[in-house]
């Protein structure tokens, strides 16, 4: 969709210089952006809610755009995320909105705020955006980009909560030292819980590192054995390529199966994982186990 503006065709009219545009059409995209608000929201959701990396967001967005035969660059993902952060900050600063006063009254009825603080760095070397939310209602209280994340800066980010002048009954954040010190300074008697996602990441890290070491050994062993097989298979296939006998046809089919099995075994060594419970070594082992079961089934069928 490309919205356009119109002028009155009457050159002698009083409004011949005024441009008329569709408000609804303009609301579909931010000024100067080629992608609509739906894509901006998708980038923000994947990055902040799903904790995807920039590369993972880039892949997911392009998968969605594939049906329209268009794509975007990795850099454009960064631009859209910055736009999303700007919208978050604008939304959190609009305290004149009637819904803000209604929300504030609801928080007071609840007995106070349960504050969630989370810092997201779009990519290494970029500014970190801190999001302050009220957990019970899900409302964004404040969003701010910062260059440093020391205690003084974190206290400044949290000052928006202090300005609300409502009790803080609980706080959730990661275990970053500066966050813990800032929170302890502002609310020394308020319960502070480490985010379960980060807690589980830290708890699972030793097992994850052991799994990674195991995968590296498995990859080395398999690679040494599998590397020469595919060239051997390809040479044999080319040797019997022109033969028209039934035996040659059967052998070509068997060689193709072997080639696919070798490729599957090699691919199992390059499976990715993510903390806390997505172990790449275990996933690779499971894939090899499934491949072994498939080969055993083929053997049984041949005996029959």
Protein backbone atom coordinates (compact mmCIF):
# COMPACT_ATOMS: atom_id res chain seq x y z
CA UNK A 1 0.00 0.00 0.00
CA UNK A 2 1.30 3.46 -0.95
CA UNK A 3 -0.86 6.30 0.42
CA UNK A 4 -0.89 9.46 -1.68
CA UNK A 5 -2.14 13.01 -1.14
CA UNK A 6 -4.58 15.02 -3.20
CA UNK A 7 -5.15 18.70 -3.87
CA UNK A 8 -8.30 20.44 -5.06
CA UNK A 9 -8.16 20.46 -8.91
CA UNK A 10 -9.72 23.94 -8.98
CA UNK A 11 -6.73 26.23 -9.49
CA UNK A 12 -8.84 29.25 -8.53
CA UNK A 13 -10.14 27.78 -5.27
CA UNK A 14 -9.09 28.97 -1.84
CA UNK A 15 -7.73 25.55 -0.83
CA UNK A 16 -5.78 24.67 -3.96
CA UNK A 17 -2.50 24.47 -1.98
CA UNK A 18 -3.84 22.21 0.78
CA UNK A 19 -2.96 18.51 0.57
CA UNK A 20 -5.54 15.97 1.71
CA UNK A 21 -4.34 12.61 2.97
CA UNK A 22 -6.00 9.59 4.54
CA UNK A 23 -5.44 9.51 8.31
CA UNK A 24 -6.22 5.80 8.41
CA UNK A 25 -3.71 5.06 5.66
CA UNK A 26 -0.97 7.16 7.26
CA UNK A 27 -1.54 5.38 10.58
CA UNK A 28 -0.45 2.07 9.01
CA UNK A 29 3.21 3.10 8.97
CA UNK A 30 5.55 5.53 10.70
CA UNK A 31 6.68 8.56 8.68
CA UNK A 32 9.72 7.70 6.55
CA UNK A 33 9.39 3.93 7.08
CA UNK A 34 8.71 1.48 4.27
CA UNK A 35 7.26 -1.24 6.53
CA UNK A 36 3.98 -1.00 8.38
CA UNK A 37 3.24 -0.94 12.08
CA UNK A 38 2.51 -4.67 12.05
CA UNK A 39 6.14 -5.41 11.18
CA UNK A 40 7.40 -2.87 13.73
CA UNK A 41 5.28 -4.60 16.39
CA UNK A 42 6.48 -8.04 15.25
CA UNK A 43 10.14 -7.00 15.58
CA UNK A 44 9.53 -5.61 19.07
CA UNK A 45 7.59 -8.68 20.16
CA UNK A 46 10.23 -11.13 18.96
CA UNK A 47 13.08 -9.16 20.54
CA UNK A 48 11.54 -8.22 23.89
CA UNK A 49 8.98 -10.94 24.60
CA UNK A 50 10.62 -13.92 22.87
CA UNK A 51 14.21 -12.84 23.64
CA UNK A 52 15.27 -13.55 20.05
CA UNK A 53 18.64 -12.41 18.74
CA UNK A 54 18.76 -9.86 15.93
CA UNK A 55 19.66 -12.63 13.49
CA UNK A 56 16.72 -14.76 14.66
CA UNK A 57 14.36 -11.77 14.35
CA UNK A 58 15.74 -11.06 10.87
CA UNK A 59 15.08 -14.65 9.80
CA UNK A 60 11.55 -14.70 11.28
CA UNK A 61 10.52 -11.40 9.68
CA UNK A 62 11.83 -12.42 6.27
CA UNK A 63 9.94 -15.70 6.58
CA UNK A 64 6.75 -13.69 7.07
CA UNK A 65 7.57 -11.35 4.18
CA UNK A 66 8.39 -14.25 1.84
CA UNK A 67 4.76 -14.60 0.80
CA UNK A 68 4.86 -11.04 -0.52
CA UNK A 69 8.14 -11.67 -2.42
CA UNK A 70 9.98 -9.00 -0.44
CA UNK A 71 12.64 -9.06 2.27
CA UNK A 72 14.48 -6.69 4.55
CA UNK A 73 18.11 -6.30 5.57
CA UNK A 74 19.49 -7.02 9.03
CA UNK A 75 20.18 -3.31 9.47
CA UNK A 76 16.53 -2.53 8.78
CA UNK A 77 15.57 -4.83 11.65
CA UNK A 78 17.67 -2.60 13.91
CA UNK A 79 15.93 0.52 12.59
CA UNK A 80 12.51 -1.01 13.21
CA UNK A 81 13.49 -2.05 16.73
CA UNK A 82 14.63 1.50 17.47
CA UNK A 83 11.26 2.72 16.19
CA UNK A 84 9.50 0.23 18.46
CA UNK A 85 11.52 1.47 21.44
CA UNK A 86 10.63 5.07 20.58
CA UNK A 87 6.93 4.13 20.55
CA UNK A 88 7.31 2.43 23.92
CA UNK A 89 8.91 5.51 25.42
CA UNK A 90 6.24 7.78 23.95
CA UNK A 91 3.48 5.54 25.32
CA UNK A 92 4.99 5.42 28.81
CA UNK A 93 5.39 9.20 28.97
CA UNK A 94 1.75 9.95 28.11
CA UNK A 95 0.39 10.30 31.64
CA UNK A 96 -2.42 12.60 30.53
CA UNK A 97 -4.17 9.65 28.95
CA UNK A 98 -7.41 8.89 30.90
CA UNK A 99 -6.41 5.24 30.97
CA UNK A 100 -3.31 6.16 32.99
CA UNK A 101 -5.38 7.58 35.84
CA UNK A 102 -7.66 4.55 35.76
CA UNK A 103 -4.59 2.30 35.88
CA UNK A 104 -3.13 4.24 38.81
CA UNK A 105 -6.36 3.81 40.75
CA UNK A 106 -6.30 0.08 40.02
CA UNK A 107 -2.71 -0.20 41.29
CA UNK A 108 -3.71 1.54 44.52
CA UNK A 109 -6.63 -0.87 44.95
CA UNK A 110 -4.20 -3.75 44.44
CA UNK A 111 -2.13 -2.43 47.33
CA UNK A 112 0.81 -1.23 45.23
CA UNK A 113 3.10 -2.06 42.32
CA UNK A 114 4.94 -5.25 41.51
CA UNK A 115 7.77 -3.85 39.40
CA UNK A 116 9.55 -5.73 36.62
CA UNK A 117 12.84 -4.33 35.28
CA UNK A 118 14.48 -5.79 32.19
CA UNK A 119 17.34 -4.53 30.04
CA UNK A 120 17.57 -5.43 26.34
CA UNK A 121 20.60 -4.72 24.17
CA UNK A 122 19.60 -5.04 20.50
CA UNK A 123 23.14 -5.94 19.48
CA UNK A 124 26.62 -5.72 20.97
CA UNK A 125 27.86 -2.14 20.97
CA UNK A 126 24.35 -0.65 20.96
CA UNK A 127 22.58 1.21 23.74
CA UNK A 128 20.57 -0.85 26.22
CA UNK A 129 16.86 -0.16 26.55
CA UNK A 130 15.43 -0.72 30.03
CA UNK A 131 11.73 -1.52 30.33
CA UNK A 132 9.93 -0.97 33.63
CA UNK A 133 6.55 -2.73 33.86
CA UNK A 134 3.86 -3.27 36.48
CA UNK A 135 3.45 -7.04 36.62
CA UNK A 136 -0.14 -7.37 37.84
CA UNK A 137 -1.60 -5.14 35.13
CA UNK A 138 1.10 -5.60 32.47
CA UNK A 139 1.37 -1.84 31.90
CA UNK A 140 4.63 -0.29 30.76
CA UNK A 141 5.64 2.36 33.29
CA UNK A 142 8.84 3.60 31.69
CA UNK A 143 11.27 2.84 28.85
CA UNK A 144 14.69 4.42 28.54
CA UNK A 145 17.82 3.97 26.43
CA UNK A 146 21.08 4.14 28.36
CA UNK A 147 24.74 3.97 27.44
CA UNK A 148 25.92 2.67 30.83
CA UNK A 149 24.15 0.43 33.33
CA UNK A 150 25.73 1.51 36.61
CA UNK A 151 23.77 1.94 39.84
CA UNK A 152 23.24 5.68 39.35
CA UNK A 153 21.77 5.16 35.87
CA UNK A 154 19.47 2.36 37.06
CA UNK A 155 18.18 4.52 39.90
CA UNK A 156 17.39 7.22 37.35
CA UNK A 157 15.45 4.69 35.26
CA UNK A 158 13.51 3.60 38.34
CA UNK A 159 12.81 7.18 39.40
CA UNK A 160 9.63 7.06 37.28
CA UNK A 161 8.28 4.42 39.67
CA UNK A 162 9.20 6.57 42.68
CA UNK A 163 7.34 9.53 41.13
CA UNK A 164 4.11 7.52 41.02
CA UNK A 165 4.01 7.76 44.82
CA UNK A 166 2.44 4.32 45.25
CA UNK A 167 3.77 1.45 47.39
CA UNK A 168 6.13 -1.03 45.74
CA UNK A 169 5.31 -4.49 47.09
CA UNK A 170 7.68 -6.59 44.97
CA UNK A 171 10.39 -6.38 42.31
CA UNK A 172 11.55 -8.77 39.58
CA UNK A 173 14.79 -8.34 37.61
CA UNK A 174 17.83 -10.26 36.50
CA UNK A 175 20.79 -10.69 38.84
CA UNK A 176 22.91 -7.86 37.40
CA UNK A 177 24.89 -6.35 40.27
CA UNK A 178 24.09 -2.71 39.50
CA UNK A 179 20.36 -3.52 39.36
CA UNK A 180 20.48 -5.28 42.71
CA UNK A 181 22.34 -2.39 44.32
CA UNK A 182 20.00 0.25 42.88
CA UNK A 183 16.88 -1.66 43.97
CA UNK A 184 18.29 -2.29 47.47
CA UNK A 185 19.06 1.43 47.77
CA UNK A 186 15.58 2.58 46.70
CA UNK A 187 13.47 -0.14 48.35
CA UNK A 188 15.60 -1.91 51.00
CA UNK A 189 12.64 -3.70 52.63
CA UNK A 190 10.81 -4.79 49.45
CA UNK A 191 11.13 -8.45 48.32
CA UNK A 192 13.32 -8.70 45.23
CA UNK A 193 13.14 -11.86 43.11
CA UNK A 194 15.51 -12.79 40.34
CA UNK A 195 13.71 -13.46 37.04
CA UNK A 196 13.14 -17.20 36.74
CA UNK A 197 14.31 -17.22 33.12
CA UNK A 198 17.70 -15.75 34.09
CA UNK A 199 17.85 -17.92 37.20
CA UNK A 200 17.31 -21.07 35.17
CA UNK A 201 19.86 -19.91 32.61
CA UNK A 202 22.51 -19.56 35.33
CA UNK A 203 21.53 -22.87 36.94
CA UNK A 204 21.67 -24.75 33.63
CA UNK A 205 24.90 -23.18 32.38
CA UNK A 206 27.31 -25.86 33.78
CA UNK A 207 25.26 -28.66 32.14
CA UNK A 208 25.02 -26.63 28.92
CA UNK A 209 28.81 -26.21 28.82
CA UNK A 210 29.31 -29.94 29.46
CA UNK A 211 26.85 -30.69 26.67
CA UNK A 212 28.75 -28.36 24.34
CA UNK A 213 32.03 -30.15 25.15
CA UNK A 214 30.40 -33.52 24.49
CA UNK A 215 29.02 -32.28 21.17
CA UNK A 216 32.48 -31.06 20.11
CA UNK A 217 33.96 -34.51 20.78
CA UNK A 218 31.06 -36.21 19.00
CA UNK A 219 31.47 -33.90 16.00
CA UNK A 220 35.20 -34.62 15.76
CA UNK A 221 34.69 -38.39 15.91
CA UNK A 222 31.87 -38.43 13.37
CA UNK A 223 33.51 -35.98 10.98
CA UNK A 224 36.66 -38.11 10.73
CA UNK A 225 34.58 -41.16 9.83
CA UNK A 226 31.96 -39.51 7.61
CA UNK A 227 34.07 -37.08 5.57
CA UNK A 228 35.48 -39.68 3.11
CA UNK A 229 32.15 -41.50 2.63
CA UNK A 230 30.25 -39.06 0.44
CA UNK A 231 33.07 -38.69 -2.15
CA UNK A 232 33.26 -42.50 -2.32
CA UNK A 233 29.51 -42.72 -2.85
CA UNK A 234 29.58 -40.01 -5.53
CA UNK A 235 32.41 -41.76 -7.39
CA UNK A 236 30.51 -45.04 -7.38
CA UNK A 237 27.29 -43.34 -8.55
CA UNK A 238 29.14 -41.72 -11.47
CA UNK A 239 30.68 -45.08 -12.39
CA UNK A 240 27.33 -46.83 -12.77
CA UNK A 241 25.37 -43.78 -13.96
CA UNK A 242 25.00 -45.03 -17.53
CA UNK A 243 24.19 -48.64 -16.70
CA UNK A 244 20.56 -49.60 -17.44
CA UNK A 245 20.41 -52.92 -15.62
CA UNK A 246 18.05 -53.55 -12.72
CA UNK A 247 21.03 -54.26 -10.46
CA UNK A 248 22.54 -50.87 -11.29
CA UNK A 249 19.21 -49.13 -10.62
CA UNK A 250 18.91 -50.83 -7.24
CA UNK A 251 22.47 -49.92 -6.35
CA UNK A 252 21.90 -46.26 -7.29
CA UNK A 253 18.85 -46.16 -5.02
CA UNK A 254 20.82 -47.73 -2.17
CA UNK A 255 23.70 -45.31 -2.67
CA UNK A 256 21.27 -42.37 -2.58
CA UNK A 257 19.91 -43.61 0.74
CA UNK A 258 23.44 -43.95 2.10
CA UNK A 259 24.32 -40.45 0.92
CA UNK A 260 21.22 -39.05 2.64
CA UNK A 261 22.12 -40.90 5.85
CA UNK A 262 25.65 -39.53 5.82
CA UNK A 263 24.32 -36.02 5.26
CA UNK A 264 21.83 -36.44 8.13
CA UNK A 265 24.58 -37.67 10.44
CA UNK A 266 26.77 -34.69 9.55
CA UNK A 267 23.85 -32.30 10.11
CA UNK A 268 23.25 -33.73 13.58
CA UNK A 269 26.63 -32.34 14.63
CA UNK A 270 25.62 -28.79 13.78
CA UNK A 271 22.35 -28.53 15.71
CA UNK A 272 22.02 -25.31 17.69
CA UNK A 273 20.63 -24.96 21.20
CA UNK A 274 19.80 -22.29 23.72
CA UNK A 275 19.86 -21.94 27.47
CA UNK A 276 18.37 -23.05 29.75
CA UNK A 277 17.12 -26.45 28.55
CA UNK A 278 17.72 -26.68 24.80
CA UNK A 279 20.92 -28.77 24.68
CA UNK A 280 22.46 -29.09 21.18
CA UNK A 281 24.55 -32.17 22.04
CA UNK A 282 21.53 -34.04 23.36
CA UNK A 283 19.45 -33.02 20.32
CA UNK A 284 22.23 -34.23 18.00
CA UNK A 285 22.44 -37.54 19.86
CA UNK A 286 18.67 -37.99 19.58
CA UNK A 287 18.83 -37.35 15.84
CA UNK A 288 21.61 -39.93 15.47
CA UNK A 289 19.58 -42.37 17.54
CA UNK A 290 16.59 -41.86 15.23
CA UNK A 291 18.85 -42.35 12.19
CA UNK A 292 20.20 -45.58 13.67
CA UNK A 293 16.65 -46.84 14.26
CA UNK A 294 15.80 -46.04 10.63
CA UNK A 295 18.82 -47.99 9.34
CA UNK A 296 17.93 -50.95 11.56
CA UNK A 297 14.42 -50.92 10.07
CA UNK A 298 15.90 -51.00 6.59
CA UNK A 299 18.03 -54.04 7.55
CA UNK A 300 14.96 -55.87 8.87
CA UNK A 301 13.03 -55.19 5.67
CA UNK A 302 15.90 -56.49 3.56
CA UNK A 303 16.00 -59.78 5.53
CA UNK A 304 12.31 -60.27 4.81
